[in-house]
Amino acid sequence: MDLVATSSLKNDVDILTKLDENVVAEFAKTSLDILRKGTQNIKGFAKAAKKLGVTTEDIHKMCTALCHIMLEAARSEPSEAALGEYLHDLGFRDSARQVLIQFCTENFTEIRELGVKPSLWYPQYKQLEWRLDVQVASRSMRHEAIPSYLLSLATATPDGQQEVQVMQADYTSMLQWSGQVEAALAESTAVSTRRLMHHVHGTQ
């Protein structure tokens, strides 16, 4: 299978391609650690973002993109030249390319084994509690009810640690989330998805 440098992947690694190869090496180590543990170090992301002058979301995208690059390289087993060309197409400079090629080569077996594990770094759903609050009157709006949802989402990491996220959303946001969940559920039962999952499980 050929490695394809998609535009979305290029966007995700854009900042990373401009960094020193030593920094790229640290990001590679962090990304491999994410694959190992199945969790992301949010505090570490915030610290790295502050140091580099970027957002936490930028750090998240870079690490996720590197995880993708490593997994694809392990699955495709490209030659060093092919992997180097792939990284070149993504925008990495020669020194950073050499660092990543060496890293992927040295950790090939482990990355390949991690690649067949289900639900890599996705948390497992445990419980969802919600409450509806309605503001029924105020000095400025006496006749309009304003609904607000408070949600508490409990998830568990692969090592058993439970995390709770508290979110607040208005009615419009809840409708959008509901639509996205329904679309995802519908997609999960599609014929193409079932075929893909059958192929994935067949290669494990």
N, C-alpha and C. Protein backbone atom coordinates (compact mmCIF):
# COMPACT_ATOMS: atom_id res chain seq x y z
N MET A 1 0.84 -1.18 0.00
CA MET A 1 0.00 0.00 0.00
C MET A 1 0.88 1.24 0.00
N ASP A 2 0.61 2.14 -0.92
CA ASP A 2 1.41 3.36 -1.03
C ASP A 2 1.03 4.36 0.07
N LEU A 3 2.03 5.10 0.53
CA LEU A 3 1.80 6.16 1.50
C LEU A 3 1.38 7.42 0.76
N VAL A 4 0.29 8.04 1.21
CA VAL A 4 -0.25 9.21 0.53
C VAL A 4 -0.20 10.42 1.47
N ALA A 5 0.45 11.48 1.02
CA ALA A 5 0.54 12.71 1.80
C ALA A 5 -0.69 13.57 1.49
N THR A 6 -1.76 13.37 2.26
CA THR A 6 -3.00 14.10 2.02
C THR A 6 -2.87 15.56 2.46
N SER A 7 -3.75 16.39 1.95
CA SER A 7 -3.71 17.82 2.30
C SER A 7 -4.01 18.03 3.77
N SER A 8 -4.92 17.24 4.33
CA SER A 8 -5.25 17.40 5.74
C SER A 8 -4.07 17.02 6.63
N LEU A 9 -3.35 15.98 6.24
CA LEU A 9 -2.17 15.57 7.01
C LEU A 9 -1.07 16.63 6.90
N LYS A 10 -0.92 17.21 5.72
CA LYS A 10 0.06 18.29 5.54
C LYS A 10 -0.26 19.46 6.45
N ASN A 11 -1.54 19.80 6.55
CA ASN A 11 -1.95 20.90 7.42
C ASN A 11 -1.65 20.61 8.88
N ASP A 12 -1.86 19.37 9.29
CA ASP A 12 -1.66 19.00 10.69
C ASP A 12 -0.18 19.02 11.09
N VAL A 13 0.72 18.73 10.14
CA VAL A 13 2.15 18.71 10.48
C VAL A 13 2.87 19.98 10.03
N ASP A 14 2.13 20.94 9.53
CA ASP A 14 2.75 22.15 8.97
C ASP A 14 3.69 22.83 9.97
N ILE A 15 3.23 23.02 11.20
CA ILE A 15 4.07 23.67 12.22
C ILE A 15 5.27 22.79 12.55
N LEU A 16 5.04 21.48 12.64
CA LEU A 16 6.09 20.55 13.00
C LEU A 16 7.22 20.54 11.97
N THR A 17 6.88 20.70 10.70
CA THR A 17 7.90 20.67 9.65
C THR A 17 8.86 21.86 9.73
N LYS A 18 8.48 22.87 10.45
CA LYS A 18 9.32 24.07 10.58
C LYS A 18 10.20 24.04 11.84
N LEU A 19 10.06 23.01 12.63
CA LEU A 19 10.80 22.92 13.89
C LEU A 19 12.12 22.17 13.73
N ASP A 20 13.00 22.38 14.70
CA ASP A 20 14.31 21.73 14.72
C ASP A 20 14.14 20.21 14.82
N GLU A 21 15.08 19.47 14.24
CA GLU A 21 14.97 18.01 14.24
C GLU A 21 14.96 17.42 15.65
N ASN A 22 15.62 18.09 16.61
CA ASN A 22 15.60 17.59 17.98
C ASN A 22 14.20 17.69 18.58
N VAL A 23 13.48 18.76 18.23
CA VAL A 23 12.11 18.93 18.69
C VAL A 23 11.21 17.88 18.03
N VAL A 24 11.45 17.63 16.74
CA VAL A 24 10.69 16.62 16.02
C VAL A 24 10.89 15.25 16.67
N ALA A 25 12.12 14.97 17.09
CA ALA A 25 12.42 13.70 17.76
C ALA A 25 11.63 13.57 19.05
N GLU A 26 11.51 14.66 19.81
CA GLU A 26 10.75 14.62 21.05
C GLU A 26 9.27 14.39 20.78
N PHE A 27 8.77 14.99 19.71
CA PHE A 27 7.38 14.78 19.35
C PHE A 27 7.14 13.33 18.93
N ALA A 28 8.12 12.74 18.26
CA ALA A 28 8.00 11.35 17.86
C ALA A 28 7.91 10.45 19.10
N LYS A 29 8.75 10.73 20.10
CA LYS A 29 8.72 9.95 21.34
C LYS A 29 7.37 10.11 22.05
N THR A 30 6.87 11.35 22.07
CA THR A 30 5.59 11.61 22.72
C THR A 30 4.46 10.87 22.00
N SER A 31 4.50 10.87 20.68
CA SER A 31 3.46 10.21 19.89
C SER A 31 3.48 8.70 20.09
N LEU A 32 4.67 8.13 20.16
CA LEU A 32 4.77 6.69 20.41
C LEU A 32 4.24 6.37 21.81
N ASP A 33 4.49 7.25 22.75
CA ASP A 33 3.99 7.05 24.12
C ASP A 33 2.46 7.08 24.14
N ILE A 34 1.87 7.92 23.28
CA ILE A 34 0.41 7.97 23.17
C ILE A 34 -0.12 6.63 22.66
N LEU A 35 0.55 6.07 21.68
CA LEU A 35 0.14 4.78 21.15
C LEU A 35 0.27 3.68 22.20
N ARG A 36 1.31 3.77 23.01
CA ARG A 36 1.53 2.76 24.05
C ARG A 36 0.46 2.81 25.13
N LYS A 37 0.20 4.01 25.63
CA LYS A 37 -0.69 4.16 26.78
C LYS A 37 -2.15 4.30 26.40
N GLY A 38 -2.41 4.71 25.16
CA GLY A 38 -3.78 4.91 24.74
C GLY A 38 -4.39 6.19 25.27
N THR A 39 -3.57 7.08 25.82
CA THR A 39 -4.07 8.36 26.35
C THR A 39 -3.15 9.49 25.92
N GLN A 40 -3.69 10.69 25.97
CA GLN A 40 -2.92 11.87 25.62
C GLN A 40 -2.66 12.71 26.87
N ASN A 41 -1.45 13.23 26.97
CA ASN A 41 -1.05 14.03 28.13
C ASN A 41 -1.46 15.48 27.89
N ILE A 42 -2.65 15.84 28.35
CA ILE A 42 -3.18 17.18 28.10
C ILE A 42 -2.31 18.25 28.74
N LYS A 43 -1.84 17.98 29.97
CA LYS A 43 -0.97 18.96 30.64
C LYS A 43 0.34 19.13 29.87
N GLY A 44 0.86 18.02 29.36
CA GLY A 44 2.08 18.09 28.56
C GLY A 44 1.85 18.87 27.28
N PHE A 45 0.68 18.70 26.67
CA PHE A 45 0.32 19.44 25.47
C PHE A 45 0.33 20.95 25.75
N ALA A 46 -0.28 21.32 26.88
CA ALA A 46 -0.37 22.74 27.24
C ALA A 46 1.02 23.34 27.47
N LYS A 47 1.88 22.55 28.11
CA LYS A 47 3.24 23.02 28.37
C LYS A 47 4.02 23.20 27.07
N ALA A 48 3.89 22.24 26.15
CA ALA A 48 4.57 22.32 24.87
C ALA A 48 4.03 23.48 24.03
N ALA A 49 2.72 23.68 24.10
CA ALA A 49 2.09 24.77 23.34
C ALA A 49 2.62 26.13 23.81
N LYS A 50 2.73 26.28 25.11
CA LYS A 50 3.23 27.54 25.66
C LYS A 50 4.68 27.77 25.25
N LYS A 51 5.48 26.72 25.27
CA LYS A 51 6.90 26.83 24.93
C LYS A 51 7.10 27.19 23.46
N LEU A 52 6.25 26.63 22.59
CA LEU A 52 6.40 26.85 21.15
C LEU A 52 5.58 28.03 20.64
N GLY A 53 4.73 28.58 21.51
CA GLY A 53 3.91 29.72 21.09
C GLY A 53 2.79 29.34 20.14
N VAL A 54 2.23 28.13 20.35
CA VAL A 54 1.11 27.67 19.53
C VAL A 54 -0.02 27.26 20.46
N THR A 55 -1.12 26.76 19.91
CA THR A 55 -2.25 26.35 20.73
C THR A 55 -2.13 24.87 21.12
N THR A 56 -2.87 24.49 22.15
CA THR A 56 -2.92 23.10 22.56
C THR A 56 -3.47 22.23 21.44
N GLU A 57 -4.43 22.77 20.70
CA GLU A 57 -5.01 22.03 19.57
C GLU A 57 -3.96 21.75 18.50
N ASP A 58 -3.04 22.71 18.29
CA ASP A 58 -1.94 22.50 17.33
C ASP A 58 -1.08 21.32 17.76
N ILE A 59 -0.77 21.25 19.05
CA ILE A 59 0.05 20.15 19.58
C ILE A 59 -0.68 18.83 19.40
N HIS A 60 -1.96 18.85 19.71
CA HIS A 60 -2.78 17.64 19.55
C HIS A 60 -2.76 17.15 18.10
N LYS A 61 -2.92 18.07 17.15
CA LYS A 61 -2.93 17.71 15.73
C LYS A 61 -1.59 17.13 15.30
N MET A 62 -0.50 17.74 15.77
CA MET A 62 0.83 17.26 15.38
C MET A 62 1.09 15.85 15.90
N CYS A 63 0.72 15.60 17.16
CA CYS A 63 0.94 14.27 17.73
C CYS A 63 0.05 13.22 17.07
N THR A 64 -1.19 13.59 16.82
CA THR A 64 -2.11 12.66 16.15
C THR A 64 -1.61 12.34 14.75
N ALA A 65 -1.12 13.36 14.06
CA ALA A 65 -0.59 13.17 12.70
C ALA A 65 0.64 12.26 12.72
N LEU A 66 1.53 12.45 13.71
CA LEU A 66 2.72 11.60 13.81
C LEU A 66 2.33 10.15 14.13
N CYS A 67 1.31 9.97 14.96
CA CYS A 67 0.82 8.62 15.23
C CYS A 67 0.35 7.97 13.93
N HIS A 68 -0.36 8.74 13.13
CA HIS A 68 -0.86 8.24 11.85
C HIS A 68 0.30 7.87 10.93
N ILE A 69 1.30 8.74 10.86
CA ILE A 69 2.47 8.50 10.00
C ILE A 69 3.19 7.21 10.42
N MET A 70 3.39 7.06 11.73
CA MET A 70 4.08 5.86 12.23
C MET A 70 3.30 4.59 11.91
N LEU A 71 1.99 4.61 12.16
CA LEU A 71 1.17 3.43 11.93
C LEU A 71 1.12 3.07 10.45
N GLU A 72 0.98 4.08 9.60
CA GLU A 72 0.93 3.82 8.16
C GLU A 72 2.26 3.27 7.66
N ALA A 73 3.36 3.80 8.20
CA ALA A 73 4.68 3.31 7.80
C ALA A 73 4.88 1.86 8.24
N ALA A 74 4.38 1.53 9.44
CA ALA A 74 4.52 0.16 9.94
C ALA A 74 3.66 -0.81 9.14
N ARG A 75 2.50 -0.37 8.71
CA ARG A 75 1.61 -1.24 7.95
C ARG A 75 2.10 -1.43 6.52
N SER A 76 2.61 -0.35 5.94
CA SER A 76 3.01 -0.40 4.53
C SER A 76 4.41 -0.98 4.33
N GLU A 77 5.25 -0.90 5.37
CA GLU A 77 6.63 -1.37 5.29
C GLU A 77 7.36 -0.81 4.07
N PRO A 78 7.41 0.51 3.93
CA PRO A 78 8.09 1.10 2.78
C PRO A 78 9.60 1.03 2.93
N SER A 79 10.31 1.17 1.84
CA SER A 79 11.76 1.27 1.91
C SER A 79 12.11 2.62 2.53
N GLU A 80 13.35 2.79 2.96
CA GLU A 80 13.76 4.08 3.53
C GLU A 80 13.57 5.20 2.51
N ALA A 81 13.84 4.90 1.25
CA ALA A 81 13.70 5.90 0.20
C ALA A 81 12.24 6.31 0.04
N ALA A 82 11.33 5.32 0.07
CA ALA A 82 9.90 5.60 -0.08
C ALA A 82 9.37 6.38 1.11
N LEU A 83 9.82 6.00 2.31
CA LEU A 83 9.39 6.71 3.51
C LEU A 83 9.93 8.14 3.50
N GLY A 84 11.18 8.28 3.05
CA GLY A 84 11.77 9.61 2.95
C GLY A 84 11.02 10.50 1.96
N GLU A 85 10.59 9.92 0.85
CA GLU A 85 9.83 10.68 -0.15
C GLU A 85 8.48 11.10 0.41
N TYR A 86 7.86 10.19 1.16
CA TYR A 86 6.57 10.48 1.80
C TYR A 86 6.71 11.65 2.77
N LEU A 87 7.74 11.61 3.60
CA LEU A 87 7.97 12.69 4.56
C LEU A 87 8.32 14.00 3.85
N HIS A 88 9.03 13.88 2.73
CA HIS A 88 9.36 15.06 1.92
C HIS A 88 8.08 15.69 1.38
N ASP A 89 7.16 14.86 0.92
CA ASP A 89 5.89 15.36 0.39
C ASP A 89 5.07 16.05 1.47
N LEU A 90 5.26 15.61 2.72
CA LEU A 90 4.56 16.24 3.84
C LEU A 90 5.19 17.55 4.26
N GLY A 91 6.41 17.83 3.76
CA GLY A 91 7.06 19.10 4.04
C GLY A 91 8.21 19.06 5.02
N PHE A 92 8.61 17.86 5.47
CA PHE A 92 9.72 17.76 6.43
C PHE A 92 11.06 18.01 5.75
N ARG A 93 11.92 18.75 6.43
CA ARG A 93 13.27 19.00 5.92
C ARG A 93 14.13 17.75 6.06
N ASP A 94 15.26 17.74 5.39
CA ASP A 94 16.11 16.55 5.32
C ASP A 94 16.51 16.05 6.70
N SER A 95 16.93 16.95 7.60
CA SER A 95 17.38 16.52 8.93
C SER A 95 16.24 15.89 9.72
N ALA A 96 15.04 16.47 9.63
CA ALA A 96 13.89 15.92 10.34
C ALA A 96 13.46 14.60 9.72
N ARG A 97 13.58 14.50 8.40
CA ARG A 97 13.23 13.25 7.72
C ARG A 97 14.11 12.10 8.21
N GLN A 98 15.39 12.36 8.33
CA GLN A 98 16.32 11.33 8.79
C GLN A 98 16.00 10.88 10.21
N VAL A 99 15.62 11.84 11.05
CA VAL A 99 15.26 11.53 12.44
C VAL A 99 14.04 10.62 12.47
N LEU A 100 13.02 10.95 11.68
CA LEU A 100 11.79 10.17 11.68
C LEU A 100 11.98 8.79 11.05
N ILE A 101 12.78 8.73 10.00
CA ILE A 101 13.07 7.44 9.36
C ILE A 101 13.76 6.51 10.36
N GLN A 102 14.76 7.04 11.05
CA GLN A 102 15.48 6.24 12.04
C GLN A 102 14.56 5.81 13.18
N PHE A 103 13.71 6.73 13.62
CA PHE A 103 12.79 6.42 14.72
C PHE A 103 11.81 5.33 14.33
N CYS A 104 11.22 5.45 13.14
CA CYS A 104 10.26 4.44 12.67
C CYS A 104 10.94 3.09 12.47
N THR A 105 12.18 3.11 11.99
CA THR A 105 12.92 1.87 11.76
C THR A 105 13.24 1.16 13.07
N GLU A 106 13.72 1.93 14.05
CA GLU A 106 14.10 1.35 15.34
C GLU A 106 12.90 0.82 16.12
N ASN A 107 11.75 1.43 15.92
CA ASN A 107 10.56 1.05 16.69
C ASN A 107 9.51 0.36 15.83
N PHE A 108 9.93 -0.16 14.68
CA PHE A 108 9.00 -0.74 13.71
C PHE A 108 8.13 -1.84 14.31
N THR A 109 8.74 -2.82 14.97
CA THR A 109 8.00 -3.96 15.50
C THR A 109 6.96 -3.53 16.51
N GLU A 110 7.35 -2.65 17.43
CA GLU A 110 6.41 -2.20 18.46
C GLU A 110 5.26 -1.41 17.85
N ILE A 111 5.57 -0.51 16.92
CA ILE A 111 4.53 0.30 16.28
C ILE A 111 3.55 -0.59 15.53
N ARG A 112 4.06 -1.60 14.85
CA ARG A 112 3.20 -2.51 14.10
C ARG A 112 2.27 -3.27 15.04
N GLU A 113 2.79 -3.70 16.18
CA GLU A 113 1.96 -4.41 17.14
C GLU A 113 0.90 -3.49 17.74
N LEU A 114 1.28 -2.24 18.01
CA LEU A 114 0.32 -1.28 18.55
C LEU A 114 -0.77 -0.95 17.54
N GLY A 115 -0.41 -1.05 16.26
CA GLY A 115 -1.35 -0.68 15.20
C GLY A 115 -2.53 -1.62 15.08
N VAL A 116 -2.44 -2.83 15.60
CA VAL A 116 -3.56 -3.77 15.49
C VAL A 116 -4.43 -3.79 16.74
N LYS A 117 -4.08 -2.98 17.72
CA LYS A 117 -4.90 -2.91 18.91
C LYS A 117 -6.13 -2.05 18.63
N PRO A 118 -7.32 -2.49 19.04
CA PRO A 118 -8.52 -1.70 18.81
C PRO A 118 -8.58 -0.48 19.72
N SER A 119 -9.26 0.55 19.25
CA SER A 119 -9.51 1.77 20.04
C SER A 119 -8.22 2.32 20.62
N LEU A 120 -7.29 2.64 19.77
CA LEU A 120 -5.95 3.01 20.20
C LEU A 120 -5.92 3.99 21.38
N TRP A 121 -6.26 5.24 21.13
CA TRP A 121 -6.18 6.19 22.22
C TRP A 121 -7.57 6.76 22.53
N TYR A 122 -8.60 6.05 22.11
CA TYR A 122 -9.94 6.55 22.34
C TYR A 122 -10.44 6.11 23.71
N PRO A 123 -10.96 7.02 24.51
CA PRO A 123 -11.48 6.63 25.82
C PRO A 123 -12.75 5.79 25.69
N GLN A 124 -12.99 4.95 26.68
CA GLN A 124 -14.16 4.09 26.68
C GLN A 124 -15.30 4.76 27.44
N TYR A 125 -16.47 4.77 26.83
CA TYR A 125 -17.64 5.40 27.44
C TYR A 125 -18.05 4.63 28.69
N LYS A 126 -18.37 5.38 29.76
CA LYS A 126 -18.84 4.77 30.99
C LYS A 126 -20.24 5.24 31.38
N GLN A 127 -20.43 6.54 31.43
CA GLN A 127 -21.71 7.06 31.89
C GLN A 127 -21.89 8.50 31.43
N LEU A 128 -23.14 8.87 31.18
CA LEU A 128 -23.48 10.25 30.82
C LEU A 128 -24.67 10.69 31.65
N GLU A 129 -24.46 11.75 32.42
CA GLU A 129 -25.55 12.33 33.21
C GLU A 129 -25.82 13.74 32.68
N TRP A 130 -27.07 14.13 32.69
CA TRP A 130 -27.39 15.46 32.17
C TRP A 130 -28.51 16.11 32.99
N ARG A 131 -28.53 17.43 32.91
CA ARG A 131 -29.55 18.20 33.60
C ARG A 131 -29.96 19.37 32.72
N LEU A 132 -31.23 19.64 32.69
CA LEU A 132 -31.75 20.75 31.90
C LEU A 132 -32.13 21.90 32.82
N ASP A 133 -31.51 23.04 32.60
CA ASP A 133 -31.85 24.26 33.33
C ASP A 133 -32.54 25.22 32.37
N VAL A 134 -33.58 25.86 32.83
CA VAL A 134 -34.32 26.81 31.99
C VAL A 134 -34.45 28.14 32.71
N GLN A 135 -33.90 29.18 32.08
CA GLN A 135 -34.06 30.53 32.60
C GLN A 135 -35.39 31.06 32.07
N VAL A 136 -36.34 31.26 32.98
CA VAL A 136 -37.70 31.59 32.54
C VAL A 136 -38.00 33.08 32.55
N ALA A 137 -37.19 33.87 33.23
CA ALA A 137 -37.48 35.31 33.25
C ALA A 137 -36.25 36.09 33.68
N SER A 138 -36.15 37.30 33.15
CA SER A 138 -35.11 38.24 33.55
C SER A 138 -35.61 39.64 33.25
N ARG A 139 -34.89 40.60 33.69
CA ARG A 139 -35.31 41.97 33.43
C ARG A 139 -35.33 42.32 31.95
N SER A 140 -34.37 41.75 31.21
CA SER A 140 -34.27 42.06 29.78
C SER A 140 -35.16 41.17 28.93
N MET A 141 -35.38 39.91 29.38
CA MET A 141 -36.21 38.98 28.61
C MET A 141 -37.24 38.36 29.54
N ARG A 142 -38.46 38.88 29.50
CA ARG A 142 -39.48 38.44 30.44
C ARG A 142 -40.37 37.34 29.87
N HIS A 143 -40.33 37.13 28.58
CA HIS A 143 -41.27 36.20 27.98
C HIS A 143 -40.59 35.05 27.23
N GLU A 144 -39.25 34.96 27.29
CA GLU A 144 -38.54 33.93 26.53
C GLU A 144 -37.81 32.98 27.48
N ALA A 145 -38.09 31.69 27.34
CA ALA A 145 -37.40 30.67 28.13
C ALA A 145 -36.10 30.29 27.44
N ILE A 146 -35.00 30.21 28.21
CA ILE A 146 -33.69 29.90 27.64
C ILE A 146 -33.20 28.58 28.24
N PRO A 147 -33.28 27.47 27.46
CA PRO A 147 -32.81 26.18 27.99
C PRO A 147 -31.29 26.08 27.93
N SER A 148 -30.73 25.43 28.93
CA SER A 148 -29.29 25.20 28.98
C SER A 148 -29.05 23.81 29.55
N TYR A 149 -28.21 23.03 28.86
CA TYR A 149 -27.94 21.66 29.28
C TYR A 149 -26.58 21.57 29.97
N LEU A 150 -26.55 20.89 31.09
CA LEU A 150 -25.31 20.60 31.79
C LEU A 150 -25.08 19.10 31.72
N LEU A 151 -23.95 18.69 31.14
CA LEU A 151 -23.66 17.28 30.95
C LEU A 151 -22.39 16.87 31.68
N SER A 152 -22.41 15.68 32.23
CA SER A 152 -21.24 15.10 32.90
C SER A 152 -20.94 13.77 32.22
N LEU A 153 -19.83 13.74 31.47
CA LEU A 153 -19.45 12.55 30.70
C LEU A 153 -18.29 11.84 31.39
N ALA A 154 -18.53 10.58 31.75
CA ALA A 154 -17.50 9.77 32.40
C ALA A 154 -16.93 8.77 31.39
N THR A 155 -15.61 8.74 31.25
CA THR A 155 -14.94 7.80 30.37
C THR A 155 -13.80 7.14 31.13
N ALA A 156 -13.28 6.06 30.56
CA ALA A 156 -12.18 5.33 31.20
C ALA A 156 -11.06 5.13 30.19
N THR A 157 -9.83 5.27 30.64
CA THR A 157 -8.67 5.05 29.81
C THR A 157 -8.35 3.56 29.80
N PRO A 158 -7.53 3.10 28.85
CA PRO A 158 -7.19 1.67 28.79
C PRO A 158 -6.57 1.12 30.07
N ASP A 159 -5.94 1.98 30.88
CA ASP A 159 -5.35 1.49 32.13
C ASP A 159 -6.33 1.57 33.31
N GLY A 160 -7.61 1.87 33.01
CA GLY A 160 -8.64 1.82 34.05
C GLY A 160 -8.91 3.13 34.76
N GLN A 161 -8.19 4.17 34.48
CA GLN A 161 -8.41 5.45 35.13
C GLN A 161 -9.65 6.13 34.56
N GLN A 162 -10.50 6.62 35.45
CA GLN A 162 -11.74 7.26 35.01
C GLN A 162 -11.56 8.77 34.93
N GLU A 163 -12.11 9.35 33.88
CA GLU A 163 -12.05 10.79 33.69
C GLU A 163 -13.47 11.32 33.53
N VAL A 164 -13.74 12.49 34.09
CA VAL A 164 -15.06 13.10 34.01
C VAL A 164 -14.92 14.48 33.38
N GLN A 165 -15.69 14.72 32.34
CA GLN A 165 -15.72 16.01 31.68
C GLN A 165 -17.09 16.64 31.86
N VAL A 166 -17.11 17.86 32.32
CA VAL A 166 -18.37 18.58 32.52
C VAL A 166 -18.50 19.63 31.41
N MET A 167 -19.64 19.59 30.73
CA MET A 167 -19.86 20.48 29.59
C MET A 167 -21.21 21.17 29.73
N GLN A 168 -21.28 22.37 29.18
CA GLN A 168 -22.55 23.09 29.15
C GLN A 168 -22.85 23.47 27.70
N ALA A 169 -24.09 23.32 27.30
CA ALA A 169 -24.45 23.59 25.91
C ALA A 169 -25.87 24.14 25.83
N ASP A 170 -26.09 24.96 24.80
CA ASP A 170 -27.45 25.46 24.58
C ASP A 170 -28.21 24.47 23.69
N TYR A 171 -29.46 24.78 23.44
CA TYR A 171 -30.31 23.86 22.68
C TYR A 171 -29.80 23.63 21.26
N THR A 172 -29.31 24.69 20.62
CA THR A 172 -28.81 24.57 19.25
C THR A 172 -27.61 23.63 19.18
N SER A 173 -26.69 23.77 20.13
CA SER A 173 -25.51 22.90 20.16
C SER A 173 -25.90 21.45 20.40
N MET A 174 -26.89 21.25 21.28
CA MET A 174 -27.34 19.89 21.55
C MET A 174 -27.94 19.24 20.31
N LEU A 175 -28.67 20.02 19.52
CA LEU A 175 -29.23 19.51 18.28
C LEU A 175 -28.11 19.10 17.31
N GLN A 176 -27.07 19.93 17.23
CA GLN A 176 -25.94 19.62 16.34
C GLN A 176 -25.23 18.35 16.80
N TRP A 177 -24.95 18.23 18.08
CA TRP A 177 -24.29 17.04 18.62
C TRP A 177 -25.13 15.80 18.36
N SER A 178 -26.44 15.94 18.61
CA SER A 178 -27.34 14.81 18.40
C SER A 178 -27.31 14.34 16.95
N GLY A 179 -27.29 15.31 16.03
CA GLY A 179 -27.24 14.97 14.61
C GLY A 179 -25.95 14.26 14.24
N GLN A 180 -24.83 14.72 14.83
CA GLN A 180 -23.53 14.10 14.54
C GLN A 180 -23.46 12.68 15.09
N VAL A 181 -24.02 12.47 16.29
CA VAL A 181 -24.02 11.12 16.88
C VAL A 181 -24.89 10.18 16.04
N GLU A 182 -26.05 10.66 15.63
CA GLU A 182 -26.95 9.84 14.82
C GLU A 182 -26.30 9.49 13.49
N ALA A 183 -25.59 10.46 12.89
CA ALA A 183 -24.90 10.20 11.62
C ALA A 183 -23.79 9.17 11.80
N ALA A 184 -23.06 9.28 12.93
CA ALA A 184 -21.98 8.32 13.20
C ALA A 184 -22.53 6.91 13.42
N LEU A 185 -23.65 6.82 14.14
CA LEU A 185 -24.26 5.52 14.37
C LEU A 185 -24.76 4.90 13.07
N ALA A 186 -25.32 5.75 12.21
CA ALA A 186 -25.79 5.26 10.92
C ALA A 186 -24.62 4.79 10.07
N GLU A 187 -23.52 5.52 10.12
CA GLU A 187 -22.34 5.15 9.34
C GLU A 187 -21.74 3.85 9.84
N SER A 188 -21.82 3.63 11.16
CA SER A 188 -21.24 2.41 11.73
C SER A 188 -21.95 1.16 11.28
N THR A 189 -23.19 1.29 10.84
CA THR A 189 -23.95 0.12 10.38
C THR A 189 -23.97 0.01 8.86
N ALA A 190 -23.29 0.93 8.17
CA ALA A 190 -23.28 0.90 6.71
C ALA A 190 -22.51 -0.32 6.21
N VAL A 191 -22.85 -0.76 5.02
CA VAL A 191 -22.21 -1.95 4.43
C VAL A 191 -20.70 -1.75 4.29
N SER A 192 -20.30 -0.54 3.82
CA SER A 192 -18.88 -0.27 3.61
C SER A 192 -18.11 -0.33 4.92
N THR A 193 -18.73 0.15 6.02
CA THR A 193 -18.07 0.12 7.32
C THR A 193 -17.92 -1.32 7.82
N ARG A 194 -18.96 -2.12 7.64
CA ARG A 194 -18.89 -3.52 8.07
C ARG A 194 -17.82 -4.28 7.31
N ARG A 195 -17.68 -3.96 6.03
CA ARG A 195 -16.64 -4.62 5.23
C ARG A 195 -15.26 -4.22 5.73
N LEU A 196 -15.10 -2.92 6.05
CA LEU A 196 -13.82 -2.43 6.54
C LEU A 196 -13.46 -3.09 7.87
N MET A 197 -14.42 -3.15 8.79
CA MET A 197 -14.16 -3.75 10.10
C MET A 197 -13.85 -5.24 9.96
N HIS A 198 -14.52 -5.90 9.02
CA HIS A 198 -14.23 -7.32 8.78
C HIS A 198 -12.78 -7.50 8.30
N HIS A 199 -12.34 -6.57 7.44
CA HIS A 199 -10.96 -6.62 6.95
C HIS A 199 -9.96 -6.36 8.06
N VAL A 200 -10.27 -5.36 8.92
CA VAL A 200 -9.36 -5.00 10.02
C VAL A 200 -9.21 -6.17 10.97
N HIS A 201 -10.33 -6.75 11.38
CA HIS A 201 -10.28 -7.87 12.33
C HIS A 201 -9.61 -9.09 11.70
N GLY A 202 -9.74 -9.21 10.40
CA GLY A 202 -9.14 -10.35 9.71
C GLY A 202 -7.64 -10.29 9.63
N THR A 203 -7.07 -9.05 9.79
CA THR A 203 -5.62 -8.89 9.70
C THR A 203 -4.96 -8.93 11.07
N GLN A 204 -5.76 -9.01 12.13
CA GLN A 204 -5.16 -9.01 13.47
C GLN A 204 -4.65 -10.40 13.83
